[in-house]
N, C-alpha and C. Protein backbone atom coordinates (compact mmCIF):
# COMPACT_ATOMS: atom_id res chain seq x y z
N MET A 1 0.84 -1.17 0.00
CA MET A 1 0.00 0.00 0.00
C MET A 1 0.89 1.24 0.00
N ALA A 2 0.63 2.19 -0.89
CA ALA A 2 1.43 3.41 -0.99
C ALA A 2 1.10 4.33 0.18
N PRO A 3 2.10 5.09 0.66
CA PRO A 3 1.83 6.02 1.76
C PRO A 3 0.88 7.12 1.29
N GLU A 4 0.09 7.63 2.24
CA GLU A 4 -0.83 8.72 1.92
C GLU A 4 -0.02 9.96 1.57
N THR A 5 -0.49 10.69 0.57
CA THR A 5 0.19 11.91 0.15
C THR A 5 -0.81 13.03 -0.04
N VAL A 6 -0.31 14.25 0.01
CA VAL A 6 -1.07 15.44 -0.36
C VAL A 6 -0.26 16.12 -1.44
N LEU A 7 -0.84 16.27 -2.61
CA LEU A 7 -0.13 16.84 -3.77
C LEU A 7 1.17 16.10 -4.02
N GLY A 8 1.17 14.79 -3.83
CA GLY A 8 2.35 13.97 -4.10
C GLY A 8 3.39 13.96 -3.00
N VAL A 9 3.15 14.67 -1.91
CA VAL A 9 4.10 14.74 -0.80
C VAL A 9 3.60 13.84 0.33
N PRO A 10 4.47 12.98 0.89
CA PRO A 10 4.02 12.10 1.97
C PRO A 10 3.54 12.90 3.18
N THR A 11 2.51 12.39 3.84
CA THR A 11 2.02 13.03 5.06
C THR A 11 2.54 12.31 6.30
N ARG A 12 3.21 11.19 6.10
CA ARG A 12 3.83 10.46 7.21
C ARG A 12 5.31 10.34 6.92
N HIS A 13 6.10 10.73 7.88
CA HIS A 13 7.55 10.72 7.74
C HIS A 13 8.10 9.77 8.80
N GLU A 14 8.61 8.63 8.34
CA GLU A 14 8.99 7.55 9.25
C GLU A 14 10.28 7.86 10.01
N GLY A 15 10.25 7.51 11.27
CA GLY A 15 11.39 7.59 12.17
C GLY A 15 11.20 6.47 13.18
N ASP A 16 11.50 6.75 14.43
CA ASP A 16 11.31 5.78 15.50
C ASP A 16 9.82 5.46 15.60
N PRO A 17 9.42 4.20 15.40
CA PRO A 17 7.99 3.87 15.46
C PRO A 17 7.41 3.98 16.86
N ASP A 18 8.26 4.07 17.88
CA ASP A 18 7.76 4.18 19.24
C ASP A 18 7.64 5.63 19.72
N ARG A 19 8.02 6.59 18.85
CA ARG A 19 7.88 8.01 19.16
C ARG A 19 7.24 8.67 17.94
N VAL A 20 5.97 9.08 18.09
CA VAL A 20 5.23 9.65 16.98
C VAL A 20 4.72 11.04 17.36
N ALA A 21 4.97 11.99 16.49
CA ALA A 21 4.44 13.34 16.66
C ALA A 21 3.33 13.55 15.64
N ILE A 22 2.26 14.16 16.09
CA ILE A 22 1.11 14.45 15.24
C ILE A 22 1.03 15.95 15.05
N LEU A 23 1.09 16.40 13.78
CA LEU A 23 1.02 17.83 13.47
C LEU A 23 -0.41 18.20 13.10
N LEU A 24 -0.99 19.11 13.87
CA LEU A 24 -2.35 19.59 13.63
C LEU A 24 -2.27 21.02 13.08
N PRO A 25 -2.80 21.25 11.87
CA PRO A 25 -2.66 22.57 11.25
C PRO A 25 -3.63 23.60 11.81
N GLY A 26 -3.51 24.79 11.27
CA GLY A 26 -4.46 25.85 11.56
C GLY A 26 -5.61 25.78 10.58
N ALA A 27 -6.45 26.81 10.60
CA ALA A 27 -7.59 26.84 9.67
C ALA A 27 -7.11 26.90 8.23
N SER A 28 -6.11 27.73 7.97
CA SER A 28 -5.56 27.81 6.62
C SER A 28 -4.04 27.72 6.65
N TYR A 29 -3.49 27.27 7.76
CA TYR A 29 -2.04 27.13 7.93
C TYR A 29 -1.72 25.65 7.85
N VAL A 30 -1.43 25.17 6.64
CA VAL A 30 -1.22 23.74 6.38
C VAL A 30 0.15 23.29 6.88
N PRO A 31 0.37 21.97 7.01
CA PRO A 31 1.65 21.47 7.50
C PRO A 31 2.87 21.86 6.66
N ALA A 32 2.66 22.30 5.42
CA ALA A 32 3.79 22.71 4.58
C ALA A 32 4.24 24.14 4.87
N ARG A 33 3.46 24.90 5.63
CA ARG A 33 3.84 26.28 5.97
C ARG A 33 5.02 26.25 6.94
N PRO A 34 5.77 27.35 7.03
CA PRO A 34 7.07 27.33 7.73
C PRO A 34 7.09 26.81 9.17
N LEU A 35 6.20 27.25 10.04
CA LEU A 35 6.26 26.81 11.44
C LEU A 35 6.09 25.30 11.56
N LEU A 36 5.11 24.76 10.87
CA LEU A 36 4.88 23.31 10.95
C LEU A 36 5.91 22.52 10.16
N HIS A 37 6.37 23.08 9.05
CA HIS A 37 7.44 22.42 8.30
C HIS A 37 8.68 22.25 9.18
N PHE A 38 9.08 23.33 9.85
CA PHE A 38 10.28 23.23 10.67
C PHE A 38 10.04 22.43 11.95
N ALA A 39 8.81 22.38 12.42
CA ALA A 39 8.51 21.45 13.53
C ALA A 39 8.79 20.03 13.07
N ARG A 40 8.32 19.68 11.86
CA ARG A 40 8.56 18.34 11.32
C ARG A 40 10.06 18.08 11.15
N VAL A 41 10.79 19.06 10.64
CA VAL A 41 12.23 18.89 10.44
C VAL A 41 12.94 18.66 11.78
N VAL A 42 12.58 19.43 12.80
CA VAL A 42 13.16 19.26 14.14
C VAL A 42 12.86 17.86 14.66
N LEU A 43 11.63 17.45 14.56
CA LEU A 43 11.24 16.13 15.07
C LEU A 43 11.97 15.02 14.33
N ALA A 44 12.06 15.13 13.01
CA ALA A 44 12.79 14.12 12.23
C ALA A 44 14.26 14.10 12.63
N HIS A 45 14.82 15.26 12.86
CA HIS A 45 16.23 15.35 13.30
C HIS A 45 16.45 14.57 14.60
N HIS A 46 15.45 14.58 15.46
CA HIS A 46 15.54 13.87 16.74
C HIS A 46 15.01 12.44 16.64
N GLY A 47 14.72 11.98 15.42
CA GLY A 47 14.37 10.58 15.20
C GLY A 47 12.91 10.23 15.31
N TRP A 48 12.03 11.19 15.47
CA TRP A 48 10.60 10.92 15.62
C TRP A 48 9.96 10.57 14.29
N THR A 49 8.94 9.75 14.33
CA THR A 49 8.02 9.60 13.20
C THR A 49 7.07 10.79 13.30
N VAL A 50 6.73 11.36 12.15
CA VAL A 50 5.83 12.52 12.14
C VAL A 50 4.65 12.22 11.22
N GLN A 51 3.46 12.39 11.78
CA GLN A 51 2.21 12.23 11.03
C GLN A 51 1.59 13.62 10.85
N GLU A 52 1.52 14.09 9.61
CA GLU A 52 0.89 15.38 9.32
C GLU A 52 -0.61 15.17 9.12
N VAL A 53 -1.41 15.95 9.78
CA VAL A 53 -2.85 15.94 9.57
C VAL A 53 -3.17 17.11 8.63
N TRP A 54 -3.82 16.81 7.54
CA TRP A 54 -4.28 17.84 6.60
C TRP A 54 -5.80 17.86 6.68
N TRP A 55 -6.36 19.03 6.80
CA TRP A 55 -7.80 19.10 6.90
C TRP A 55 -8.35 20.33 6.21
N GLU A 56 -9.63 20.26 5.96
CA GLU A 56 -10.40 21.40 5.49
C GLU A 56 -11.49 21.59 6.52
N PRO A 57 -11.28 22.49 7.47
CA PRO A 57 -12.26 22.63 8.55
C PRO A 57 -13.63 23.06 8.02
N PRO A 58 -14.66 22.51 8.61
CA PRO A 58 -16.00 22.96 8.22
C PRO A 58 -16.24 24.36 8.77
N THR A 59 -17.16 25.04 8.17
CA THR A 59 -17.52 26.34 8.73
C THR A 59 -18.50 26.07 9.85
N ALA A 60 -18.04 26.23 11.06
CA ALA A 60 -18.91 25.99 12.22
C ALA A 60 -19.42 27.35 12.71
N ASP A 61 -20.66 27.38 13.09
CA ASP A 61 -21.25 28.64 13.55
C ASP A 61 -20.80 29.00 14.96
N THR A 62 -20.35 28.02 15.71
CA THR A 62 -20.00 28.28 17.10
C THR A 62 -18.58 27.79 17.38
N MET A 63 -17.96 28.39 18.40
CA MET A 63 -16.65 27.92 18.84
C MET A 63 -16.76 26.48 19.32
N ALA A 64 -17.84 26.15 20.01
CA ALA A 64 -18.02 24.77 20.50
C ALA A 64 -18.02 23.78 19.33
N GLY A 65 -18.64 24.15 18.22
CA GLY A 65 -18.64 23.28 17.05
C GLY A 65 -17.25 23.10 16.47
N ARG A 66 -16.48 24.17 16.39
CA ARG A 66 -15.10 24.07 15.89
C ARG A 66 -14.25 23.22 16.84
N GLU A 67 -14.42 23.45 18.14
CA GLU A 67 -13.65 22.68 19.13
C GLU A 67 -13.96 21.19 19.01
N ALA A 68 -15.23 20.84 18.93
CA ALA A 68 -15.61 19.43 18.85
C ALA A 68 -15.01 18.79 17.60
N TRP A 69 -15.04 19.51 16.49
CA TRP A 69 -14.50 18.99 15.23
C TRP A 69 -13.00 18.75 15.34
N VAL A 70 -12.26 19.73 15.89
CA VAL A 70 -10.80 19.59 16.03
C VAL A 70 -10.45 18.46 16.98
N VAL A 71 -11.12 18.41 18.12
CA VAL A 71 -10.83 17.35 19.10
C VAL A 71 -11.08 15.98 18.48
N GLU A 72 -12.13 15.84 17.70
CA GLU A 72 -12.41 14.54 17.07
C GLU A 72 -11.33 14.18 16.06
N ARG A 73 -10.87 15.13 15.25
CA ARG A 73 -9.78 14.84 14.29
C ARG A 73 -8.50 14.46 15.05
N ALA A 74 -8.21 15.18 16.13
CA ALA A 74 -7.01 14.88 16.92
C ALA A 74 -7.13 13.51 17.59
N ARG A 75 -8.30 13.20 18.11
CA ARG A 75 -8.52 11.90 18.76
C ARG A 75 -8.30 10.77 17.74
N GLU A 76 -8.84 10.92 16.55
CA GLU A 76 -8.66 9.91 15.50
C GLU A 76 -7.17 9.71 15.20
N ALA A 77 -6.42 10.80 15.10
CA ALA A 77 -4.99 10.71 14.79
C ALA A 77 -4.23 10.03 15.93
N VAL A 78 -4.53 10.41 17.16
CA VAL A 78 -3.84 9.82 18.32
C VAL A 78 -4.18 8.34 18.43
N GLU A 79 -5.44 7.99 18.28
CA GLU A 79 -5.85 6.59 18.44
C GLU A 79 -5.39 5.70 17.30
N ALA A 80 -4.98 6.29 16.20
CA ALA A 80 -4.45 5.51 15.08
C ALA A 80 -3.00 5.08 15.32
N GLU A 81 -2.39 5.62 16.36
CA GLU A 81 -0.98 5.34 16.66
C GLU A 81 -0.87 4.33 17.80
N SER A 82 0.16 3.47 17.72
CA SER A 82 0.41 2.51 18.80
C SER A 82 1.75 2.79 19.47
N ALA A 83 2.35 3.93 19.19
CA ALA A 83 3.65 4.30 19.75
C ALA A 83 3.57 4.46 21.26
N GLY A 84 4.69 4.21 21.92
CA GLY A 84 4.76 4.39 23.36
C GLY A 84 4.73 5.85 23.76
N GLN A 85 5.22 6.73 22.88
CA GLN A 85 5.24 8.16 23.18
C GLN A 85 4.62 8.91 22.00
N VAL A 86 3.61 9.72 22.30
CA VAL A 86 2.95 10.53 21.28
C VAL A 86 3.05 11.98 21.72
N LEU A 87 3.44 12.82 20.79
CA LEU A 87 3.56 14.27 21.00
C LEU A 87 2.61 14.95 20.03
N VAL A 88 1.96 16.01 20.47
CA VAL A 88 1.06 16.77 19.61
C VAL A 88 1.68 18.14 19.35
N VAL A 89 1.67 18.54 18.09
CA VAL A 89 2.10 19.89 17.71
C VAL A 89 0.92 20.52 17.00
N GLY A 90 0.42 21.63 17.52
CA GLY A 90 -0.74 22.27 16.92
C GLY A 90 -0.49 23.73 16.65
N LYS A 91 -1.05 24.21 15.54
CA LYS A 91 -0.97 25.62 15.17
C LYS A 91 -2.38 26.21 15.19
N SER A 92 -2.58 27.26 15.97
CA SER A 92 -3.82 28.03 15.99
C SER A 92 -5.05 27.15 16.17
N LEU A 93 -5.82 26.90 15.11
CA LEU A 93 -7.02 26.07 15.22
C LEU A 93 -6.68 24.71 15.82
N GLY A 94 -5.52 24.16 15.47
CA GLY A 94 -5.09 22.87 16.01
C GLY A 94 -4.93 22.87 17.52
N THR A 95 -4.74 24.07 18.11
CA THR A 95 -4.57 24.13 19.57
C THR A 95 -5.88 23.90 20.32
N LEU A 96 -6.99 23.86 19.57
CA LEU A 96 -8.26 23.50 20.21
C LEU A 96 -8.24 22.05 20.70
N ALA A 97 -7.19 21.30 20.31
CA ALA A 97 -7.02 19.93 20.79
C ALA A 97 -6.32 19.88 22.14
N ALA A 98 -6.03 21.02 22.74
CA ALA A 98 -5.36 21.04 24.05
C ALA A 98 -6.11 20.23 25.11
N PRO A 99 -7.45 20.25 25.16
CA PRO A 99 -8.14 19.42 26.15
C PRO A 99 -7.84 17.93 25.99
N LEU A 100 -7.74 17.44 24.76
CA LEU A 100 -7.41 16.04 24.52
C LEU A 100 -5.99 15.74 25.01
N ALA A 101 -5.05 16.62 24.70
CA ALA A 101 -3.66 16.42 25.14
C ALA A 101 -3.59 16.41 26.66
N ALA A 102 -4.30 17.31 27.31
CA ALA A 102 -4.29 17.36 28.78
C ALA A 102 -4.91 16.09 29.36
N GLU A 103 -6.04 15.68 28.81
CA GLU A 103 -6.75 14.48 29.28
C GLU A 103 -5.88 13.23 29.17
N ARG A 104 -5.09 13.14 28.10
CA ARG A 104 -4.27 11.95 27.86
C ARG A 104 -2.84 12.09 28.35
N GLY A 105 -2.49 13.23 28.92
CA GLY A 105 -1.14 13.44 29.42
C GLY A 105 -0.09 13.48 28.32
N LEU A 106 -0.45 14.03 27.16
CA LEU A 106 0.46 14.07 26.02
C LEU A 106 1.30 15.34 26.02
N PRO A 107 2.60 15.22 25.80
CA PRO A 107 3.41 16.42 25.64
C PRO A 107 2.97 17.15 24.37
N ALA A 108 3.20 18.47 24.34
CA ALA A 108 2.70 19.25 23.21
C ALA A 108 3.55 20.48 22.96
N ILE A 109 3.55 20.88 21.70
CA ILE A 109 4.05 22.18 21.27
C ILE A 109 2.85 22.90 20.68
N TRP A 110 2.49 24.03 21.26
CA TRP A 110 1.34 24.80 20.78
C TRP A 110 1.87 26.09 20.15
N LEU A 111 1.73 26.19 18.84
CA LEU A 111 2.18 27.36 18.08
C LEU A 111 1.00 28.31 17.91
N THR A 112 1.13 29.51 18.40
CA THR A 112 0.06 30.52 18.44
C THR A 112 -1.22 29.95 19.02
N PRO A 113 -1.13 29.43 20.25
CA PRO A 113 -2.34 28.86 20.88
C PRO A 113 -3.41 29.94 21.06
N LEU A 114 -4.65 29.50 21.01
CA LEU A 114 -5.78 30.42 21.15
C LEU A 114 -6.00 30.70 22.64
N LEU A 115 -5.20 31.60 23.18
CA LEU A 115 -5.25 31.89 24.61
C LEU A 115 -6.42 32.80 24.99
N THR A 116 -7.31 33.05 24.04
CA THR A 116 -8.55 33.77 24.32
C THR A 116 -9.73 32.81 24.42
N VAL A 117 -9.45 31.51 24.27
CA VAL A 117 -10.50 30.48 24.34
C VAL A 117 -10.35 29.74 25.66
N GLU A 118 -11.37 29.80 26.49
CA GLU A 118 -11.28 29.26 27.85
C GLU A 118 -10.97 27.77 27.89
N SER A 119 -11.51 26.98 26.96
CA SER A 119 -11.23 25.54 27.00
C SER A 119 -9.75 25.26 26.75
N VAL A 120 -9.11 26.06 25.91
CA VAL A 120 -7.67 25.91 25.66
C VAL A 120 -6.89 26.30 26.90
N VAL A 121 -7.21 27.46 27.47
CA VAL A 121 -6.50 27.93 28.67
C VAL A 121 -6.71 26.96 29.83
N GLY A 122 -7.93 26.50 30.03
CA GLY A 122 -8.21 25.54 31.10
C GLY A 122 -7.42 24.25 30.93
N ALA A 123 -7.35 23.76 29.69
CA ALA A 123 -6.59 22.53 29.42
C ALA A 123 -5.11 22.74 29.68
N LEU A 124 -4.59 23.89 29.29
CA LEU A 124 -3.17 24.18 29.54
C LEU A 124 -2.89 24.29 31.04
N ARG A 125 -3.83 24.80 31.78
CA ARG A 125 -3.66 24.86 33.25
C ARG A 125 -3.62 23.46 33.84
N ARG A 126 -4.45 22.54 33.32
CA ARG A 126 -4.52 21.18 33.85
C ARG A 126 -3.35 20.31 33.40
N SER A 127 -2.77 20.62 32.27
CA SER A 127 -1.75 19.75 31.68
C SER A 127 -0.50 19.67 32.55
N LYS A 128 -0.09 18.45 32.83
CA LYS A 128 1.13 18.20 33.60
C LYS A 128 2.26 17.71 32.69
N ALA A 129 1.94 17.40 31.44
CA ALA A 129 2.93 16.90 30.49
C ALA A 129 3.80 18.07 30.01
N PRO A 130 5.02 17.78 29.56
CA PRO A 130 5.86 18.85 29.00
C PRO A 130 5.12 19.56 27.87
N THR A 131 5.11 20.89 27.94
CA THR A 131 4.35 21.70 27.00
C THR A 131 5.14 22.96 26.68
N LEU A 132 5.24 23.29 25.40
CA LEU A 132 5.87 24.53 24.95
C LEU A 132 4.82 25.39 24.28
N LEU A 133 4.77 26.66 24.66
CA LEU A 133 3.85 27.63 24.06
C LEU A 133 4.66 28.64 23.26
N VAL A 134 4.20 28.97 22.07
CA VAL A 134 4.88 29.94 21.22
C VAL A 134 3.86 30.93 20.69
N GLY A 135 4.11 32.22 20.91
CA GLY A 135 3.18 33.22 20.42
C GLY A 135 3.84 34.56 20.21
N GLY A 136 3.09 35.46 19.59
CA GLY A 136 3.59 36.79 19.30
C GLY A 136 2.79 37.85 20.04
N ALA A 137 3.49 38.87 20.51
CA ALA A 137 2.84 39.93 21.28
C ALA A 137 1.85 40.73 20.43
N ALA A 138 2.00 40.71 19.10
CA ALA A 138 1.07 41.44 18.23
C ALA A 138 -0.11 40.57 17.77
N ASP A 139 -0.23 39.39 18.31
CA ASP A 139 -1.31 38.46 17.96
C ASP A 139 -2.46 38.68 18.94
N LYS A 140 -3.63 39.03 18.42
CA LYS A 140 -4.80 39.28 19.28
C LYS A 140 -5.32 38.03 19.96
N LEU A 141 -4.90 36.84 19.47
CA LEU A 141 -5.36 35.59 20.07
C LEU A 141 -4.36 35.05 21.09
N TRP A 142 -3.25 35.75 21.29
CA TRP A 142 -2.22 35.41 22.27
C TRP A 142 -2.37 36.37 23.43
N ASP A 143 -2.23 35.88 24.64
CA ASP A 143 -2.27 36.72 25.83
C ASP A 143 -1.03 36.40 26.64
N GLY A 144 -0.04 37.29 26.58
CA GLY A 144 1.24 37.06 27.25
C GLY A 144 1.10 36.86 28.74
N GLU A 145 0.19 37.60 29.35
CA GLU A 145 -0.01 37.47 30.79
C GLU A 145 -0.54 36.07 31.13
N VAL A 146 -1.47 35.59 30.34
CA VAL A 146 -2.00 34.24 30.53
C VAL A 146 -0.88 33.22 30.31
N ALA A 147 -0.12 33.37 29.24
CA ALA A 147 0.97 32.43 28.94
C ALA A 147 1.96 32.35 30.10
N ARG A 148 2.33 33.50 30.64
CA ARG A 148 3.29 33.52 31.75
C ARG A 148 2.74 32.85 33.01
N GLY A 149 1.41 32.87 33.17
CA GLY A 149 0.79 32.30 34.36
C GLY A 149 0.48 30.82 34.28
N LEU A 150 0.73 30.19 33.15
CA LEU A 150 0.35 28.78 32.99
C LEU A 150 1.39 27.80 33.53
N GLY A 151 2.60 28.26 33.77
CA GLY A 151 3.62 27.37 34.32
C GLY A 151 4.34 26.51 33.30
N HIS A 152 4.13 26.76 32.03
CA HIS A 152 4.82 26.02 30.97
C HIS A 152 5.88 26.93 30.35
N PRO A 153 6.95 26.34 29.80
CA PRO A 153 7.89 27.19 29.07
C PRO A 153 7.18 27.82 27.87
N TYR A 154 7.59 29.04 27.55
CA TYR A 154 6.96 29.73 26.44
C TYR A 154 7.98 30.62 25.75
N LEU A 155 7.70 30.92 24.50
CA LEU A 155 8.46 31.89 23.73
C LEU A 155 7.46 32.92 23.26
N GLU A 156 7.64 34.15 23.71
CA GLU A 156 6.80 35.26 23.25
C GLU A 156 7.69 36.19 22.44
N VAL A 157 7.30 36.44 21.21
CA VAL A 157 8.10 37.27 20.31
C VAL A 157 7.44 38.64 20.18
N PRO A 158 8.16 39.71 20.59
CA PRO A 158 7.59 41.06 20.43
C PRO A 158 7.31 41.33 18.95
N ASP A 159 6.21 41.99 18.69
CA ASP A 159 5.82 42.44 17.35
C ASP A 159 5.40 41.32 16.40
N ALA A 160 5.47 40.05 16.80
CA ALA A 160 5.06 38.96 15.90
C ALA A 160 3.54 38.83 15.91
N ASP A 161 2.98 38.60 14.72
CA ASP A 161 1.54 38.46 14.58
C ASP A 161 1.13 36.99 14.68
N HIS A 162 -0.09 36.67 14.30
CA HIS A 162 -0.60 35.30 14.44
C HIS A 162 0.13 34.29 13.55
N GLY A 163 0.75 34.77 12.49
CA GLY A 163 1.57 33.89 11.63
C GLY A 163 3.01 33.83 12.11
N MET A 164 3.30 34.44 13.25
CA MET A 164 4.66 34.56 13.81
C MET A 164 5.58 35.28 12.82
N GLU A 165 5.03 36.33 12.20
CA GLU A 165 5.78 37.18 11.30
C GLU A 165 5.72 38.61 11.79
N ILE A 166 6.74 39.39 11.41
CA ILE A 166 6.78 40.82 11.74
C ILE A 166 6.28 41.56 10.49
N PHE A 167 5.17 42.23 10.61
CA PHE A 167 4.56 42.89 9.46
C PHE A 167 5.56 43.82 8.77
N GLY A 168 5.71 43.63 7.46
CA GLY A 168 6.54 44.50 6.66
C GLY A 168 8.04 44.27 6.78
N ASP A 169 8.46 43.22 7.49
CA ASP A 169 9.89 43.00 7.67
C ASP A 169 10.21 41.51 7.49
N PRO A 170 10.44 41.08 6.24
CA PRO A 170 10.68 39.66 6.00
C PRO A 170 11.96 39.14 6.65
N VAL A 171 12.98 39.99 6.79
CA VAL A 171 14.23 39.54 7.42
C VAL A 171 13.99 39.28 8.91
N ALA A 172 13.29 40.18 9.58
CA ALA A 172 12.96 39.97 10.99
C ALA A 172 12.06 38.74 11.14
N SER A 173 11.16 38.54 10.18
CA SER A 173 10.28 37.36 10.23
C SER A 173 11.08 36.08 10.12
N ALA A 174 12.12 36.07 9.29
CA ALA A 174 12.98 34.89 9.17
C ALA A 174 13.72 34.64 10.47
N ARG A 175 14.11 35.72 11.16
CA ARG A 175 14.77 35.56 12.47
C ARG A 175 13.81 34.96 13.49
N VAL A 176 12.55 35.36 13.42
CA VAL A 176 11.53 34.79 14.32
C VAL A 176 11.42 33.29 14.07
N LEU A 177 11.37 32.90 12.80
CA LEU A 177 11.28 31.47 12.46
C LEU A 177 12.49 30.72 13.02
N LYS A 178 13.67 31.31 12.94
CA LYS A 178 14.89 30.72 13.51
C LYS A 178 14.73 30.55 15.03
N ASP A 179 14.25 31.60 15.70
CA ASP A 179 14.08 31.53 17.16
C ASP A 179 13.06 30.47 17.56
N VAL A 180 11.96 30.38 16.83
CA VAL A 180 10.93 29.37 17.12
C VAL A 180 11.50 27.97 16.89
N THR A 181 12.24 27.80 15.80
CA THR A 181 12.83 26.49 15.49
C THR A 181 13.82 26.09 16.58
N GLU A 182 14.62 27.02 17.05
CA GLU A 182 15.56 26.72 18.14
C GLU A 182 14.81 26.34 19.42
N ALA A 183 13.73 27.04 19.73
CA ALA A 183 12.94 26.71 20.92
C ALA A 183 12.34 25.31 20.81
N MET A 184 11.82 24.97 19.62
CA MET A 184 11.26 23.64 19.42
C MET A 184 12.36 22.58 19.53
N ASP A 185 13.53 22.86 18.97
CA ASP A 185 14.64 21.92 19.04
C ASP A 185 15.06 21.64 20.48
N ARG A 186 15.17 22.69 21.29
CA ARG A 186 15.52 22.51 22.72
C ARG A 186 14.45 21.69 23.44
N PHE A 187 13.19 22.00 23.15
CA PHE A 187 12.08 21.30 23.80
C PHE A 187 12.09 19.82 23.45
N VAL A 188 12.20 19.50 22.16
CA VAL A 188 12.19 18.09 21.73
C VAL A 188 13.41 17.36 22.27
N ALA A 189 14.57 18.00 22.28
CA ALA A 189 15.77 17.38 22.84
C ALA A 189 15.57 17.06 24.31
N GLY A 190 14.85 17.91 25.02
CA GLY A 190 14.57 17.69 26.44
C GLY A 190 13.64 16.52 26.72
N LEU A 191 12.85 16.12 25.73
CA LEU A 191 11.94 14.99 25.91
C LEU A 191 12.68 13.67 26.01
N ARG A 192 13.92 13.63 25.51
CA ARG A 192 14.72 12.39 25.57
C ARG A 192 15.25 12.13 26.96
N ALA A 193 15.41 13.20 27.73
CA ALA A 193 16.03 13.07 29.06
C ALA A 193 15.16 12.32 30.03
């Protein structure tokens, strides 16, 4: 059976079968976009198998509807794995899976988590698993005060927006991507200890 692909690109990148990371995209931020691409590269560098989830979210009228849809997609991805260690990496909309990660004790990297959504914040408060939060001070969906109070390591980038870019400055945006990649690399390296 051929591996699943999106536009001819594999969505599963084999590494250690006992360590699997699941990448959950944003609403329009697919796994091929820079933050998730470099998350996959970091994880592969550390030997993890990486499963990319590609989705087309339905238009839900309510936040509860969007949350239920994301949690169900994340649950399906997690339950499809038999690895001893599962890590979740979510971007924006994908961070609505934080309650599932907290419930299952899964380590996570949350890129631009929706810190204005109570279910996400509540799940992050409950989570005891290693968790990294990454956000930008210019992102209206990021709350630096909340992030600092959750007790998890975090990277807050001044002037970065929801895409973790600095408006009008591509060179500074590339530096942000470097900083985020380094933070993810340190976090994943720490999971081996």
